[in-house]
Amino acid sequence: MTGHDGPVAAVACATFDGQPAVVTAGGDDHTVRVWNLTTSSELAVLDYDGRKAGPLCIGPGQEIVVGIGWDLVVIETRPNSQI
């Protein structure tokens, strides 16, 4: 899987809608990306406009929690959606 423009700062694995997925944060390219591991397709690219994307984890409700600059961002995922 390719997509980040530079090193990947963090990786987390999860299951969204029963499908295995990987979430990555590429610090220098300011994005968080989500891939479906079954199809290797990119599901979402979240661009944080010049702020480094860093540590991340998957919460108990399948939300994505990521450090963006000095902030924590919680991204809620919805069933049967692309994220």
PDB file of N, CA and C in Angstrom:
ATOM      1  N   MET A   1       0.841  -1.168   0.000  1.00  0.00           N
ATOM      2  CA  MET A   1       0.000   0.000   0.000  1.00  0.00           C
ATOM      3  C   MET A   1       0.890   1.237   0.000  1.00  0.00           C
ATOM      4  N   THR A   2       0.611   2.109  -0.898  1.00  0.00           N
ATOM      5  CA  THR A   2       1.368   3.353  -0.976  1.00  0.00           C
ATOM      6  C   THR A   2       0.419   4.528  -0.840  1.00  0.00           C
ATOM      7  N   GLY A   3       0.967   5.662  -0.536  1.00  0.00           N
ATOM      8  CA  GLY A   3       0.133   6.845  -0.438  1.00  0.00           C
ATOM      9  C   GLY A   3       0.773   7.956   0.353  1.00  0.00           C
ATOM     10  N   HIS A   4       1.438   7.630   1.459  1.00  0.00           N
ATOM     11  CA  HIS A   4       2.066   8.687   2.243  1.00  0.00           C
ATOM     12  C   HIS A   4       3.273   9.252   1.508  1.00  0.00           C
ATOM     13  N   ASP A   5       3.480  10.526   1.698  1.00  0.00           N
ATOM     14  CA  ASP A   5       4.576  11.242   1.069  1.00  0.00           C
ATOM     15  C   ASP A   5       5.683  11.421   2.098  1.00  0.00           C
ATOM     16  N   GLY A   6       6.335  10.345   2.475  1.00  0.00           N
ATOM     17  CA  GLY A   6       7.356  10.385   3.503  1.00  0.00           C
ATOM     18  C   GLY A   6       7.137   9.267   4.501  1.00  0.00           C
ATOM     19  N   PRO A   7       7.863   9.319   5.624  1.00  0.00           N
ATOM     20  CA  PRO A   7       7.771   8.237   6.599  1.00  0.00           C
ATOM     21  C   PRO A   7       6.401   8.170   7.283  1.00  0.00           C
ATOM     22  N   VAL A   8       6.035   6.960   7.663  1.00  0.00           N
ATOM     23  CA  VAL A   8       4.805   6.734   8.422  1.00  0.00           C
ATOM     24  C   VAL A   8       5.149   6.859   9.904  1.00  0.00           C
ATOM     25  N   ALA A   9       4.378   7.680  10.625  1.00  0.00           N
ATOM     26  CA  ALA A   9       4.658   7.935  12.044  1.00  0.00           C
ATOM     27  C   ALA A   9       3.963   6.936  12.962  1.00  0.00           C
ATOM     28  N   ALA A  10       2.822   6.378  12.537  1.00  0.00           N
ATOM     29  CA  ALA A  10       2.068   5.466  13.402  1.00  0.00           C
ATOM     30  C   ALA A  10       1.177   4.557  12.569  1.00  0.00           C
ATOM     31  N   VAL A  11       0.906   3.363  13.120  1.00  0.00           N
ATOM     32  CA  VAL A  11       0.045   2.377  12.462  1.00  0.00           C
ATOM     33  C   VAL A  11      -0.858   1.755  13.521  1.00  0.00           C
ATOM     34  N   ALA A  12      -2.127   1.547  13.171  1.00  0.00           N
ATOM     35  CA  ALA A  12      -3.060   0.839  14.056  1.00  0.00           C
ATOM     36  C   ALA A  12      -3.946  -0.049  13.195  1.00  0.00           C
ATOM     37  N   CYS A  13      -4.282  -1.216  13.699  1.00  0.00           N
ATOM     38  CA  CYS A  13      -5.174  -2.133  12.988  1.00  0.00           C
ATOM     39  C   CYS A  13      -6.522  -2.179  13.690  1.00  0.00           C
ATOM     40  N   ALA A  14      -7.574  -2.368  12.904  1.00  0.00           N
ATOM     41  CA  ALA A  14      -8.934  -2.390  13.448  1.00  0.00           C
ATOM     42  C   ALA A  14      -9.820  -3.202  12.528  1.00  0.00           C
ATOM     43  N   THR A  15     -11.064  -3.346  12.927  1.00  0.00           N
ATOM     44  CA  THR A  15     -12.097  -3.945  12.092  1.00  0.00           C
ATOM     45  C   THR A  15     -13.227  -2.938  11.976  1.00  0.00           C
ATOM     46  N   PHE A  16     -13.549  -2.527  10.756  1.00  0.00           N
ATOM     47  CA  PHE A  16     -14.654  -1.618  10.502  1.00  0.00           C
ATOM     48  C   PHE A  16     -15.683  -2.354   9.665  1.00  0.00           C
ATOM     49  N   ASP A  17     -16.905  -2.422  10.148  1.00  0.00           N
ATOM     50  CA  ASP A  17     -17.985  -3.146   9.461  1.00  0.00           C
ATOM     51  C   ASP A  17     -17.578  -4.580   9.119  1.00  0.00           C
ATOM     52  N   GLY A  18     -16.853  -5.221  10.034  1.00  0.00           N
ATOM     53  CA  GLY A  18     -16.454  -6.606   9.837  1.00  0.00           C
ATOM     54  C   GLY A  18     -15.287  -6.797   8.889  1.00  0.00           C
ATOM     55  N   GLN A  19     -14.737  -5.728   8.362  1.00  0.00           N
ATOM     56  CA  GLN A  19     -13.618  -5.811   7.433  1.00  0.00           C
ATOM     57  C   GLN A  19     -12.333  -5.376   8.132  1.00  0.00           C
ATOM     58  N   PRO A  20     -11.254  -6.142   7.976  1.00  0.00           N
ATOM     59  CA  PRO A  20      -9.988  -5.731   8.591  1.00  0.00           C
ATOM     60  C   PRO A  20      -9.459  -4.476   7.906  1.00  0.00           C
ATOM     61  N   ALA A  21      -8.951  -3.569   8.721  1.00  0.00           N
ATOM     62  CA  ALA A  21      -8.454  -2.298   8.188  1.00  0.00           C
ATOM     63  C   ALA A  21      -7.175  -1.910   8.906  1.00  0.00           C
ATOM     64  N   VAL A  22      -6.404  -1.058   8.247  1.00  0.00           N
ATOM     65  CA  VAL A  22      -5.227  -0.475   8.869  1.00  0.00           C
ATOM     66  C   VAL A  22      -5.348   1.041   8.736  1.00  0.00           C
ATOM     67  N   VAL A  23      -4.968   1.731   9.803  1.00  0.00           N
ATOM     68  CA  VAL A  23      -4.980   3.187   9.829  1.00  0.00           C
ATOM     69  C   VAL A  23      -3.537   3.627  10.004  1.00  0.00           C
ATOM     70  N   THR A  24      -3.078   4.564   9.174  1.00  0.00           N
ATOM     71  CA  THR A  24      -1.713   5.047   9.270  1.00  0.00           C
ATOM     72  C   THR A  24      -1.696   6.565   9.363  1.00  0.00           C
ATOM     73  N   ALA A  25      -0.714   7.097  10.055  1.00  0.00           N
ATOM     74  CA  ALA A  25      -0.498   8.536  10.137  1.00  0.00           C
ATOM     75  C   ALA A  25       0.895   8.818   9.603  1.00  0.00           C
ATOM     76  N   GLY A  26       0.962   9.667   8.597  1.00  0.00           N
ATOM     77  CA  GLY A  26       2.250  10.061   8.018  1.00  0.00           C
ATOM     78  C   GLY A  26       2.575  11.463   8.468  1.00  0.00           C
ATOM     79  N   GLY A  27       3.386  11.584   9.486  1.00  0.00           N
ATOM     80  CA  GLY A  27       3.667  12.867  10.107  1.00  0.00           C
ATOM     81  C   GLY A  27       3.967  13.991   9.143  1.00  0.00           C
ATOM     82  N   ASP A  28       4.935  13.798   8.258  1.00  0.00           N
ATOM     83  CA  ASP A  28       5.376  14.891   7.406  1.00  0.00           C
ATOM     84  C   ASP A  28       4.405  15.244   6.287  1.00  0.00           C
ATOM     85  N   ASP A  29       3.533  14.331   5.892  1.00  0.00           N
ATOM     86  CA  ASP A  29       2.585  14.689   4.830  1.00  0.00           C
ATOM     87  C   ASP A  29       1.229  15.129   5.381  1.00  0.00           C
ATOM     88  N   HIS A  30       1.108  15.185   6.701  1.00  0.00           N
ATOM     89  CA  HIS A  30      -0.062  15.754   7.387  1.00  0.00           C
ATOM     90  C   HIS A  30      -1.354  14.992   7.132  1.00  0.00           C
ATOM     91  N   THR A  31      -1.270  13.710   6.825  1.00  0.00           N
ATOM     92  CA  THR A  31      -2.481  12.942   6.534  1.00  0.00           C
ATOM     93  C   THR A  31      -2.605  11.708   7.425  1.00  0.00           C
ATOM     94  N   VAL A  32      -3.851  11.288   7.581  1.00  0.00           N
ATOM     95  CA  VAL A  32      -4.203  10.001   8.167  1.00  0.00           C
ATOM     96  C   VAL A  32      -4.900   9.241   7.053  1.00  0.00           C
ATOM     97  N   ARG A  33      -4.492   8.003   6.838  1.00  0.00           N
ATOM     98  CA  ARG A  33      -5.074   7.188   5.763  1.00  0.00           C
ATOM     99  C   ARG A  33      -5.627   5.892   6.331  1.00  0.00           C
ATOM    100  N   VAL A  34      -6.720   5.428   5.722  1.00  0.00           N
ATOM    101  CA  VAL A  34      -7.373   4.190   6.150  1.00  0.00           C
ATOM    102  C   VAL A  34      -7.461   3.267   4.942  1.00  0.00           C
ATOM    103  N   TRP A  35      -7.005   2.021   5.129  1.00  0.00           N
ATOM    104  CA  TRP A  35      -7.058   1.025   4.063  1.00  0.00           C
ATOM    105  C   TRP A  35      -7.860  -0.190   4.495  1.00  0.00           C
ATOM    106  N   ASN A  36      -8.573  -0.785   3.550  1.00  0.00           N
ATOM    107  CA  ASN A  36      -9.215  -2.080   3.731  1.00  0.00           C
ATOM    108  C   ASN A  36      -8.138  -3.126   3.463  1.00  0.00           C
ATOM    109  N   LEU A  37      -7.852  -3.973   4.446  1.00  0.00           N
ATOM    110  CA  LEU A  37      -6.781  -4.960   4.281  1.00  0.00           C
ATOM    111  C   LEU A  37      -7.166  -6.122   3.374  1.00  0.00           C
ATOM    112  N   THR A  38      -8.453  -6.377   3.215  1.00  0.00           N
ATOM    113  CA  THR A  38      -8.884  -7.471   2.343  1.00  0.00           C
ATOM    114  C   THR A  38      -8.666  -7.109   0.875  1.00  0.00           C
ATOM    115  N   THR A  39      -9.017  -5.883   0.511  1.00  0.00           N
ATOM    116  CA  THR A  39      -8.946  -5.461  -0.895  1.00  0.00           C
ATOM    117  C   THR A  39      -7.722  -4.604  -1.200  1.00  0.00           C
ATOM    118  N   SER A  40      -6.984  -4.188  -0.169  1.00  0.00           N
ATOM    119  CA  SER A  40      -5.851  -3.262  -0.298  1.00  0.00           C
ATOM    120  C   SER A  40      -6.268  -1.905  -0.870  1.00  0.00           C
ATOM    121  N   SER A  41      -7.545  -1.586  -0.767  1.00  0.00           N
ATOM    122  CA  SER A  41      -8.017  -0.298  -1.290  1.00  0.00           C
ATOM    123  C   SER A  41      -7.999   0.761  -0.193  1.00  0.00           C
ATOM    124  N   GLU A  42      -7.700   1.969  -0.605  1.00  0.00           N
ATOM    125  CA  GLU A  42      -7.687   3.094   0.313  1.00  0.00           C
ATOM    126  C   GLU A  42      -9.119   3.560   0.525  1.00  0.00           C
ATOM    127  N   LEU A  43      -9.557   3.616   1.786  1.00  0.00           N
ATOM    128  CA  LEU A  43     -10.923   4.008   2.103  1.00  0.00           C
ATOM    129  C   LEU A  43     -11.064   5.496   2.373  1.00  0.00           C
ATOM    130  N   ALA A  44     -10.038   6.102   2.957  1.00  0.00           N
ATOM    131  CA  ALA A  44     -10.145   7.517   3.314  1.00  0.00           C
ATOM    132  C   ALA A  44      -8.767   8.137   3.441  1.00  0.00           C
ATOM    133  N   VAL A  45      -8.697   9.420   3.091  1.00  0.00           N
ATOM    134  CA  VAL A  45      -7.511  10.251   3.322  1.00  0.00           C
ATOM    135  C   VAL A  45      -7.995  11.490   4.048  1.00  0.00           C
ATOM    136  N   LEU A  46      -7.464  11.716   5.223  1.00  0.00           N
ATOM    137  CA  LEU A  46      -7.831  12.881   6.026  1.00  0.00           C
ATOM    138  C   LEU A  46      -6.616  13.790   6.084  1.00  0.00           C
ATOM    139  N   ASP A  47      -6.728  14.993   5.537  1.00  0.00           N
ATOM    140  CA  ASP A  47      -5.608  15.930   5.450  1.00  0.00           C
ATOM    141  C   ASP A  47      -5.749  16.975   6.547  1.00  0.00           C
ATOM    142  N   TYR A  48      -4.690  17.172   7.307  1.00  0.00           N
ATOM    143  CA  TYR A  48      -4.743  18.092   8.444  1.00  0.00           C
ATOM    144  C   TYR A  48      -3.985  19.383   8.190  1.00  0.00           C
ATOM    145  N   ASP A  49      -3.956  19.840   6.945  1.00  0.00           N
ATOM    146  CA  ASP A  49      -3.574  21.192   6.552  1.00  0.00           C
ATOM    147  C   ASP A  49      -2.331  21.738   7.252  1.00  0.00           C
ATOM    148  N   GLY A  50      -1.223  21.062   7.036  1.00  0.00           N
ATOM    149  CA  GLY A  50       0.035  21.572   7.540  1.00  0.00           C
ATOM    150  C   GLY A  50       0.393  21.183   8.962  1.00  0.00           C
ATOM    151  N   ARG A  51      -0.446  20.408   9.625  1.00  0.00           N
ATOM    152  CA  ARG A  51      -0.159  19.982  11.002  1.00  0.00           C
ATOM    153  C   ARG A  51       0.238  18.511  10.986  1.00  0.00           C
ATOM    154  N   LYS A  52       1.318  18.186  11.651  1.00  0.00           N
ATOM    155  CA  LYS A  52       1.820  16.805  11.651  1.00  0.00           C
ATOM    156  C   LYS A  52       0.840  15.839  12.300  1.00  0.00           C
ATOM    157  N   ALA A  53       0.645  14.713  11.642  1.00  0.00           N
ATOM    158  CA  ALA A  53      -0.165  13.628  12.185  1.00  0.00           C
ATOM    159  C   ALA A  53       0.779  12.666  12.895  1.00  0.00           C
ATOM    160  N   GLY A  54       0.477  12.346  14.135  1.00  0.00           N
ATOM    161  CA  GLY A  54       1.396  11.523  14.917  1.00  0.00           C
ATOM    162  C   GLY A  54       0.761  10.297  15.504  1.00  0.00           C
ATOM    163  N   PRO A  55       0.886  10.118  16.819  1.00  0.00           N
ATOM    164  CA  PRO A  55       0.395   8.900  17.458  1.00  0.00           C
ATOM    165  C   PRO A  55      -1.090   8.677  17.187  1.00  0.00           C
ATOM    166  N   LEU A  56      -1.479   7.420  17.073  1.00  0.00           N
ATOM    167  CA  LEU A  56      -2.895   7.126  16.877  1.00  0.00           C
ATOM    168  C   LEU A  56      -3.257   5.812  17.539  1.00  0.00           C
ATOM    169  N   CYS A  57      -4.550   5.656  17.786  1.00  0.00           N
ATOM    170  CA  CYS A  57      -5.078   4.395  18.317  1.00  0.00           C
ATOM    171  C   CYS A  57      -6.534   4.268  17.893  1.00  0.00           C
ATOM    172  N   ILE A  58      -7.074   3.090  18.082  1.00  0.00           N
ATOM    173  CA  ILE A  58      -8.475   2.817  17.797  1.00  0.00           C
ATOM    174  C   ILE A  58      -9.187   2.684  19.140  1.00  0.00           C
ATOM    175  N   GLY A  59     -10.238   3.474  19.343  1.00  0.00           N
ATOM    176  CA  GLY A  59     -10.975   3.444  20.602  1.00  0.00           C
ATOM    177  C   GLY A  59     -11.951   2.286  20.668  1.00  0.00           C
ATOM    178  N   PRO A  60     -12.578   2.080  21.836  1.00  0.00           N
ATOM    179  CA  PRO A  60     -13.485   0.952  22.036  1.00  0.00           C
ATOM    180  C   PRO A  60     -14.740   0.999  21.156  1.00  0.00           C
ATOM    181  N   GLY A  61     -15.107   2.169  20.695  1.00  0.00           N
ATOM    182  CA  GLY A  61     -16.261   2.304  19.802  1.00  0.00           C
ATOM    183  C   GLY A  61     -15.861   2.405  18.346  1.00  0.00           C
ATOM    184  N   GLN A  62     -14.663   1.954  18.014  1.00  0.00           N
ATOM    185  CA  GLN A  62     -14.075   1.982  16.678  1.00  0.00           C
ATOM    186  C   GLN A  62     -13.790   3.394  16.188  1.00  0.00           C
ATOM    187  N   GLU A  63     -13.706   4.367  17.099  1.00  0.00           N
ATOM    188  CA  GLU A  63     -13.295   5.691  16.680  1.00  0.00           C
ATOM    189  C   GLU A  63     -11.771   5.712  16.530  1.00  0.00           C
ATOM    190  N   ILE A  64     -11.308   6.558  15.643  1.00  0.00           N
ATOM    191  CA  ILE A  64      -9.876   6.726  15.427  1.00  0.00           C
ATOM    192  C   ILE A  64      -9.453   7.943  16.241  1.00  0.00           C
ATOM    193  N   VAL A  65      -8.447   7.763  17.090  1.00  0.00           N
ATOM    194  CA  VAL A  65      -7.926   8.862  17.907  1.00  0.00           C
ATOM    195  C   VAL A  65      -6.509   9.131  17.432  1.00  0.00           C
ATOM    196  N   VAL A  66      -6.240  10.369  17.014  1.00  0.00           N
ATOM    197  CA  VAL A  66      -4.928  10.685  16.451  1.00  0.00           C
ATOM    198  C   VAL A  66      -4.409  12.011  16.999  1.00  0.00           C
ATOM    199  N   GLY A  67      -3.115  12.051  17.237  1.00  0.00           N
ATOM    200  CA  GLY A  67      -2.470  13.291  17.639  1.00  0.00           C
ATOM    201  C   GLY A  67      -2.174  14.122  16.403  1.00  0.00           C
ATOM    202  N   ILE A  68      -2.699  15.350  16.374  1.00  0.00           N
ATOM    203  CA  ILE A  68      -2.470  16.269  15.264  1.00  0.00           C
ATOM    204  C   ILE A  68      -1.850  17.519  15.862  1.00  0.00           C
ATOM    205  N   GLY A  69      -0.592  17.759  15.567  1.00  0.00           N
ATOM    206  CA  GLY A  69       0.092  18.877  16.210  1.00  0.00           C
ATOM    207  C   GLY A  69       0.073  18.670  17.715  1.00  0.00           C
ATOM    208  N   TRP A  70      -0.442  19.647  18.464  1.00  0.00           N
ATOM    209  CA  TRP A  70      -0.557  19.545  19.925  1.00  0.00           C
ATOM    210  C   TRP A  70      -1.941  19.072  20.361  1.00  0.00           C
ATOM    211  N   ASP A  71      -2.817  18.718  19.423  1.00  0.00           N
ATOM    212  CA  ASP A  71      -4.198  18.344  19.728  1.00  0.00           C
ATOM    213  C   ASP A  71      -4.433  16.846  19.551  1.00  0.00           C
ATOM    214  N   LEU A  72      -5.491  16.361  20.194  1.00  0.00           N
ATOM    215  CA  LEU A  72      -6.008  15.020  19.921  1.00  0.00           C
ATOM    216  C   LEU A  72      -7.294  15.179  19.135  1.00  0.00           C
ATOM    217  N   VAL A  73      -7.413  14.425  18.058  1.00  0.00           N
ATOM    218  CA  VAL A  73      -8.605  14.468  17.216  1.00  0.00           C
ATOM    219  C   VAL A  73      -9.275  13.100  17.298  1.00  0.00           C
ATOM    220  N   VAL A  74     -10.594  13.097  17.524  1.00  0.00           N
ATOM    221  CA  VAL A  74     -11.368  11.860  17.554  1.00  0.00           C
ATOM    222  C   VAL A  74     -12.215  11.812  16.292  1.00  0.00           C
ATOM    223  N   ILE A  75     -12.010  10.783  15.495  1.00  0.00           N
ATOM    224  CA  ILE A  75     -12.742  10.602  14.239  1.00  0.00           C
ATOM    225  C   ILE A  75     -13.722   9.469  14.448  1.00  0.00           C
ATOM    226  N   GLU A  76     -14.996   9.796  14.455  1.00  0.00           N
ATOM    227  CA  GLU A  76     -16.014   8.759  14.635  1.00  0.00           C
ATOM    228  C   GLU A  76     -16.253   8.051  13.324  1.00  0.00           C
ATOM    229  N   THR A  77     -16.309   6.732  13.388  1.00  0.00           N
ATOM    230  CA  THR A  77     -16.626   5.944  12.201  1.00  0.00           C
ATOM    231  C   THR A  77     -18.086   5.518  12.308  1.00  0.00           C
ATOM    232  N   ARG A  78     -18.732   5.372  11.154  1.00  0.00           N
ATOM    233  CA  ARG A  78     -20.130   4.977  11.136  1.00  0.00           C
ATOM    234  C   ARG A  78     -20.297   3.640  10.433  1.00  0.00           C
ATOM    235  N   PRO A  79     -21.187   2.801  10.934  1.00  0.00           N
ATOM    236  CA  PRO A  79     -21.428   1.524  10.256  1.00  0.00           C
ATOM    237  C   PRO A  79     -21.841   1.738   8.813  1.00  0.00           C
ATOM    238  N   ASN A  80     -21.378   0.853   7.942  1.00  0.00           N
ATOM    239  CA  ASN A  80     -21.741   0.866   6.520  1.00  0.00           C
ATOM    240  C   ASN A  80     -21.347   2.153   5.820  1.00  0.00           C
ATOM    241  N   SER A  81     -20.273   2.765   6.254  1.00  0.00           N
ATOM    242  CA  SER A  81     -19.777   3.971   5.569  1.00  0.00           C
ATOM    243  C   SER A  81     -18.344   3.726   5.150  1.00  0.00           C
ATOM    244  N   GLN A  82     -17.803   4.634   4.395  1.00  0.00           N
ATOM    245  CA  GLN A  82     -16.408   4.526   3.971  1.00  0.00           C
ATOM    246  C   GLN A  82     -15.474   4.911   5.108  1.00  0.00           C
ATOM    247  N   ILE A  83     -15.915   5.409   6.210  1.00  0.00           N
ATOM    248  CA  ILE A  83     -15.224   5.785   7.443  1.00  0.00           C
ATOM    249  C   ILE A  83     -15.919   7.014   7.978  1.00  0.00           C
TER     250      ILE A  83
END
